[in-house]
Amino acid sequence: MAVVALTGCSSGFGFEGALAFARNGDVVYATMRDLSRGARLLAAADKESLNLHLKRLDVADSESFPAILAEIVDESGRIDVLVNNAGINRCGALEDLSDAAFRDVMETNCTGPMLLTKAVLPHMRRQRSGCIIMMSSLSGIAGLPGDVAYTASKFAIEGATEALRHEVDRWGIRVALVEGGLYATGIFDAIAPGESPLPDDYPADSPYRRLMERRLGEIRERLPDAMDPRIVAELYVRIAASDGSQLRWPADDVAVKVLETMFGQDDTGRDRFLRDVAGCDWWSDGE
C-alpha cells in the first residue's frame, strides 16, 4: 500500500488517476486548486468505499507546498508517489499570446510541477525511495504551430525530468514521463463551439487568425475520437509499481509511433549515451 499524491484531480487524468490508485489499495491524496470542484470525485470514492482524501493545492503557489506535503507525511507517515498531473493550455501563435498567458502556461505545466517535486524530494530521500510521475505530452516531443506555449512548457518538463532522473536515482527515487495523444480530458473545452473555433478575445486583425482557425477546427473535428483518460490513469498505477528503468512511457499507439520515430533507441541506450558523454556515473553510484 503506497501513499500517493496527485495534482489536478478535479477532472481528466487526475480524477481518473486518483480513483485508479485508490482502487489499487493505495492511500490517495487528491489535490486541486478549487475544492468546490471535488464533490464528484468524493462521491465516486465514497460509492466504492475508497481511501481517498481531498486537499487544496494550487501549483502556482509554491510557498504552500512544504506545509501541504508535511500534512500528508504527518497523517500517513510518508509519500511514496507524486503525480504531477495538473496542466493547462492556451492555444495561439506566439505573437498573439499575451505575456500573462504564456507565463501562466509555463508556471502551471513546468515551474509549478518542478517546485512541487523539489519540495517532496527531502521526504523521499529520507525514505530512500519514491516515484515521481510527470504528465508530459507528445507536444513535448514534437512542436506544432499554434501550440507554442504548451509545447514550450512540455519540452521544458521533458528536459528537466530527464536531468532530475539522474540527480536522484542514487537515493532510490524513480522518475517517469507520461506521453499521450489526444484524450477527452477537457483541456480543449475552450475551443469555441460556433462557426469559428477561436475564443472571442482572439485578435481580430491577427495575421495568424485564419491559420489558427484551421488548426483548432481540425482539433475540434478529432475530439469525438479522443481517448478515454482512464487509459492514462491505469498507466500511472503501472509506472508507480515499475522498477524505474524506463523514463518515457507512451500511453497509446500514437505515442508509441511518435517516440519510435523521434527517438532511435530505448531509454537504456539513451541513458548510457548521456552518461558516457557527460562522464558522471559517479553521481548516481556515489562515493
Protein backbone atom coordinates (compact mmCIF):
# COMPACT_ATOMS: atom_id res chain seq x y z
CA MET A 1 0.00 0.00 0.00
CA ALA A 2 1.53 3.29 -1.16
CA VAL A 3 0.79 6.88 -0.17
CA VAL A 4 0.05 8.77 -3.38
CA ALA A 5 -0.41 12.49 -4.01
CA LEU A 6 -1.78 13.77 -7.32
CA THR A 7 -2.37 17.29 -8.64
CA GLY A 8 -5.19 18.47 -10.90
CA CYS A 9 -7.76 15.93 -9.71
CA SER A 10 -10.98 17.81 -10.44
CA SER A 11 -11.21 16.27 -13.92
CA GLY A 12 -9.44 14.29 -16.60
CA PHE A 13 -6.32 12.27 -15.85
CA GLY A 14 -6.15 13.46 -12.26
CA PHE A 15 -9.75 12.48 -11.48
CA GLU A 16 -9.36 9.02 -13.01
CA GLY A 17 -5.84 8.62 -11.65
CA ALA A 18 -6.93 9.27 -8.07
CA LEU A 19 -9.63 6.59 -8.38
CA ALA A 20 -7.25 4.13 -10.05
CA PHE A 21 -4.69 4.38 -7.25
CA ALA A 22 -7.41 4.11 -4.60
CA ARG A 23 -8.82 1.00 -6.30
CA ASN A 24 -5.29 -0.38 -6.20
CA GLY A 25 -5.48 -0.21 -2.41
CA ASP A 26 -3.32 2.88 -2.03
CA VAL A 27 -3.88 5.86 0.28
CA VAL A 28 -4.67 8.72 -2.10
CA TYR A 29 -4.38 12.46 -1.58
CA ALA A 30 -6.18 14.08 -4.49
CA THR A 31 -5.36 17.78 -4.77
CA MET A 32 -6.92 20.59 -6.74
CA ARG A 33 -6.94 24.37 -6.77
CA ASP A 34 -10.68 24.69 -6.11
CA LEU A 35 -12.03 22.19 -3.58
CA SER A 36 -15.61 23.04 -4.57
CA ARG A 37 -14.94 21.02 -7.73
CA GLY A 38 -14.12 17.91 -5.71
CA ALA A 39 -17.66 16.77 -4.91
CA ARG A 40 -17.90 14.43 -7.91
CA LEU A 41 -14.60 12.74 -7.04
CA LEU A 42 -15.56 12.30 -3.39
CA ALA A 43 -18.92 10.84 -4.41
CA ALA A 44 -17.23 8.33 -6.72
CA ALA A 45 -14.78 7.34 -3.98
CA ASP A 46 -17.49 7.03 -1.34
CA LYS A 47 -19.57 4.82 -3.64
CA GLU A 48 -16.69 2.32 -3.76
CA SER A 49 -15.51 2.90 -0.16
CA LEU A 50 -12.09 4.03 -1.40
CA ASN A 51 -9.35 5.53 0.76
CA LEU A 52 -9.21 8.98 -0.82
CA HIS A 53 -8.67 12.41 0.73
CA LEU A 54 -9.01 15.86 -0.82
CA LYS A 55 -6.54 18.70 -0.24
CA ARG A 56 -6.31 22.13 -1.77
CA LEU A 57 -3.15 22.74 -3.79
CA ASP A 58 -2.52 25.44 -6.36
CA VAL A 59 0.50 24.50 -8.46
CA ALA A 60 1.19 28.23 -8.98
CA ASP A 61 1.54 28.78 -5.21
CA SER A 62 4.90 27.20 -4.43
CA GLU A 63 5.09 28.74 -0.96
CA SER A 64 2.24 26.48 0.13
CA PHE A 65 3.91 23.23 -0.98
CA PRO A 66 6.04 22.39 2.09
CA ALA A 67 3.11 22.73 4.50
CA ILE A 68 0.78 20.60 2.36
CA LEU A 69 3.36 17.84 1.96
CA ALA A 70 4.14 17.96 5.68
CA GLU A 71 0.43 17.44 6.41
CA ILE A 72 0.40 14.33 4.24
CA VAL A 73 3.51 12.94 5.93
CA ASP A 74 2.09 13.72 9.38
CA GLU A 75 -1.14 11.90 8.53
CA SER A 76 0.24 8.91 6.63
CA GLY A 77 3.89 8.70 7.62
CA ARG A 78 5.38 9.03 4.13
CA ILE A 79 4.85 9.98 0.50
CA ASP A 80 5.62 7.19 -1.94
CA VAL A 81 4.29 8.59 -5.21
CA LEU A 82 3.84 12.12 -6.54
CA VAL A 83 1.92 12.53 -9.79
CA ASN A 84 2.39 15.97 -11.33
CA ASN A 85 -0.74 15.84 -13.43
CA ALA A 86 -2.21 19.38 -13.42
CA GLY A 87 -1.95 21.20 -16.73
CA ILE A 88 -3.49 23.93 -18.86
CA ASN A 89 -3.31 25.08 -22.47
CA ARG A 90 -3.54 28.45 -24.19
CA CYS A 91 -3.74 27.89 -27.94
CA GLY A 92 -2.41 30.61 -30.18
CA ALA A 93 0.52 31.79 -32.26
CA LEU A 94 3.33 33.32 -30.21
CA GLU A 95 2.66 36.86 -31.48
CA ASP A 96 -0.99 36.59 -30.45
CA LEU A 97 -0.46 35.28 -26.92
CA SER A 98 -0.32 37.77 -24.08
CA ASP A 99 2.72 37.74 -21.86
CA ALA A 100 0.47 36.71 -18.97
CA ALA A 101 -0.99 33.75 -20.91
CA PHE A 102 2.44 32.45 -21.87
CA ARG A 103 3.72 32.73 -18.30
CA ASP A 104 0.57 31.10 -16.93
CA VAL A 105 1.10 28.00 -19.07
CA MET A 106 4.78 27.75 -18.17
CA GLU A 107 4.02 28.23 -14.46
CA THR A 108 1.29 25.60 -14.35
CA ASN A 109 2.84 22.99 -16.64
CA CYS A 110 6.53 23.25 -15.76
CA THR A 111 7.61 25.60 -12.99
CA GLY A 112 4.92 24.51 -10.53
CA PRO A 113 5.49 20.76 -11.02
CA MET A 114 9.26 21.13 -10.69
CA LEU A 115 8.96 23.19 -7.50
CA LEU A 116 6.46 20.74 -6.03
CA THR A 117 8.91 17.96 -6.87
CA LYS A 118 11.67 19.97 -5.18
CA ALA A 119 9.51 20.16 -2.05
CA VAL A 120 8.80 16.40 -1.95
CA LEU A 121 12.39 15.27 -2.55
CA PRO A 122 13.61 15.69 1.06
CA HIS A 123 10.86 13.31 2.21
CA MET A 124 11.72 10.75 -0.46
CA ARG A 125 15.46 11.00 0.18
CA ARG A 126 14.89 10.28 3.85
CA GLN A 127 12.85 7.22 2.84
CA ARG A 128 15.46 6.32 0.22
CA SER A 129 12.56 5.57 -2.10
CA GLY A 130 9.83 7.24 -4.10
CA CYS A 131 8.31 7.66 -7.53
CA ILE A 132 7.69 10.96 -9.31
CA ILE A 133 5.47 10.90 -12.40
CA MET A 134 5.34 13.89 -14.73
CA MET A 135 2.43 14.22 -17.16
CA SER A 136 4.09 15.28 -20.38
CA SER A 137 2.63 15.16 -23.89
CA LEU A 138 3.56 14.42 -27.46
CA SER A 139 3.80 18.21 -27.65
CA GLY A 140 6.93 17.77 -25.53
CA ILE A 141 8.41 15.54 -28.22
CA ALA A 142 7.40 17.40 -31.38
CA GLY A 143 6.36 21.06 -31.64
CA LEU A 144 3.45 22.10 -33.85
CA PRO A 145 2.34 25.59 -34.91
CA GLY A 146 -0.33 27.33 -32.88
CA ASP A 147 0.65 25.40 -29.76
CA VAL A 148 3.79 27.29 -28.82
CA ALA A 149 3.14 27.94 -25.11
CA TYR A 150 2.01 24.40 -24.33
CA THR A 151 4.84 22.96 -26.42
CA ALA A 152 7.41 25.12 -24.64
CA SER A 153 6.14 24.01 -21.24
CA LYS A 154 6.20 20.32 -22.16
CA PHE A 155 9.63 20.44 -23.79
CA ALA A 156 10.85 22.10 -20.60
CA ILE A 157 9.34 19.45 -18.34
CA GLU A 158 10.85 16.73 -20.54
CA GLY A 159 14.38 18.10 -20.24
CA ALA A 160 14.11 18.94 -16.55
CA THR A 161 12.75 15.49 -15.74
CA GLU A 162 15.49 13.72 -17.68
CA ALA A 163 18.12 15.66 -15.73
CA LEU A 164 16.30 15.10 -12.44
CA ARG A 165 16.19 11.37 -13.05
CA HIS A 166 19.97 11.16 -12.87
CA GLU A 167 20.18 13.54 -9.90
CA VAL A 168 18.02 11.43 -7.60
CA ASP A 169 18.44 7.80 -8.64
CA ARG A 170 21.17 7.19 -6.04
CA TRP A 171 18.50 7.60 -3.34
CA GLY A 172 16.20 5.04 -4.90
CA ILE A 173 13.87 7.71 -6.33
CA ARG A 174 12.32 6.78 -9.66
CA VAL A 175 11.23 9.41 -12.19
CA ALA A 176 8.99 8.95 -15.22
CA LEU A 177 7.37 10.91 -18.04
CA VAL A 178 3.96 10.01 -19.50
CA GLU A 179 3.46 10.67 -23.22
CA GLY A 180 -0.02 10.64 -24.67
CA GLY A 181 -2.01 11.57 -27.73
CA LEU A 182 -5.46 13.17 -27.75
CA TYR A 183 -7.60 12.37 -24.70
CA ALA A 184 -11.02 13.50 -23.55
CA THR A 185 -9.76 15.48 -20.55
CA GLY A 186 -11.48 18.82 -21.18
CA ILE A 187 -8.23 20.67 -21.90
CA PHE A 188 -9.67 21.75 -25.26
CA ASP A 189 -13.06 22.77 -23.87
CA ALA A 190 -12.16 26.39 -24.61
CA ILE A 191 -12.35 25.72 -28.36
CA ALA A 192 -15.45 27.67 -29.37
CA PRO A 193 -18.42 25.53 -30.45
CA GLY A 194 -19.65 28.01 -33.07
CA GLU A 195 -18.54 28.76 -36.63
CA SER A 196 -15.07 29.90 -35.55
CA PRO A 197 -13.17 27.71 -33.09
CA LEU A 198 -11.25 30.72 -31.77
CA PRO A 199 -12.17 32.38 -28.46
CA ASP A 200 -13.97 35.72 -28.69
CA ASP A 201 -10.95 37.64 -27.45
CA TYR A 202 -8.56 36.28 -30.12
CA PRO A 203 -7.04 39.25 -32.02
CA ALA A 204 -9.34 40.04 -34.93
CA ASP A 205 -6.54 41.52 -37.05
CA SER A 206 -4.01 38.75 -36.42
CA PRO A 207 -2.09 37.55 -39.50
CA TYR A 208 -2.33 34.09 -37.93
CA ARG A 209 -6.10 34.14 -37.41
CA ARG A 210 -7.10 32.03 -40.42
CA LEU A 211 -4.27 29.59 -39.72
CA MET A 212 -5.36 29.20 -36.11
CA GLU A 213 -9.00 28.74 -37.15
CA ARG A 214 -7.96 25.87 -39.39
CA ARG A 215 -5.69 24.35 -36.73
CA LEU A 216 -8.30 24.45 -33.96
CA GLY A 217 -11.01 23.37 -36.37
CA GLU A 218 -9.04 20.21 -37.10
CA ILE A 219 -8.64 19.52 -33.38
CA ARG A 220 -12.37 20.10 -32.83
CA GLU A 221 -13.19 17.53 -35.52
CA ARG A 222 -10.96 14.97 -33.80
CA LEU A 223 -12.38 15.47 -30.29
CA PRO A 224 -15.20 12.90 -30.69
CA ASP A 225 -12.48 10.27 -31.19
CA ALA A 226 -10.41 11.39 -28.19
CA MET A 227 -9.27 8.52 -25.99
CA ASP A 228 -10.51 7.67 -22.50
CA PRO A 229 -8.38 9.27 -19.73
CA ARG A 230 -8.70 6.05 -17.74
CA ILE A 231 -6.02 4.64 -20.07
CA VAL A 232 -3.51 7.12 -18.63
CA ALA A 233 -4.85 6.67 -15.09
CA GLU A 234 -4.14 2.95 -15.23
CA LEU A 235 -0.70 3.69 -16.67
CA TYR A 236 0.07 5.88 -13.65
CA VAL A 237 -0.50 2.86 -11.41
CA ARG A 238 1.73 0.63 -13.53
CA ILE A 239 4.52 3.20 -13.53
CA ALA A 240 4.38 3.52 -9.75
CA ALA A 241 4.91 -0.24 -9.48
CA SER A 242 7.76 -0.36 -12.03
CA ASP A 243 11.50 -0.64 -11.36
CA GLY A 244 12.38 2.81 -12.71
CA SER A 245 14.40 1.64 -15.71
CA GLN A 246 12.03 3.33 -18.17
CA LEU A 247 11.84 7.13 -18.38
CA ARG A 248 9.30 7.79 -21.14
CA TRP A 249 6.03 5.85 -21.07
CA PRO A 250 3.84 6.05 -24.20
CA ALA A 251 0.19 5.75 -23.24
CA ASP A 252 -1.21 4.69 -26.60
CA ASP A 253 -0.32 3.51 -30.10
CA VAL A 254 0.03 7.05 -31.42
CA ALA A 255 2.52 7.87 -28.67
CA VAL A 256 4.45 4.65 -29.33
CA LYS A 257 4.84 5.58 -33.01
CA VAL A 258 5.93 9.15 -32.28
CA LEU A 259 8.50 8.06 -29.70
CA GLU A 260 9.86 5.36 -32.00
CA THR A 261 10.21 7.95 -34.77
CA MET A 262 11.71 10.74 -32.66
CA PHE A 263 13.98 8.57 -30.50
CA GLY A 264 16.02 5.91 -32.27
CA GLN A 265 16.93 3.96 -29.16
CA ASP A 266 15.34 2.85 -25.91
CA ASP A 267 15.79 4.58 -22.56
CA THR A 268 18.62 2.27 -21.50
CA GLY A 269 20.66 3.09 -24.59
CA ARG A 270 19.90 6.79 -24.32
CA ASP A 271 20.91 6.80 -20.65
CA ARG A 272 24.16 5.02 -21.44
CA PHE A 273 24.99 7.53 -24.17
CA LEU A 274 24.27 10.52 -21.92
CA ARG A 275 26.32 9.07 -19.07
CA ASP A 276 29.24 8.29 -21.37
CA VAL A 277 29.23 11.77 -22.87
CA ALA A 278 28.88 13.53 -19.51
CA GLY A 279 31.20 11.18 -17.63
CA CYS A 280 29.12 11.47 -14.47
CA ASP A 281 28.37 7.89 -13.44
CA TRP A 282 29.88 8.82 -10.11
CA TRP A 283 26.82 10.99 -9.40
CA SER A 284 24.49 8.00 -9.31
CA ASP A 285 26.96 5.46 -8.00
CA GLY A 286 28.05 7.53 -5.00
CA GLU A 287 31.41 7.53 -3.26
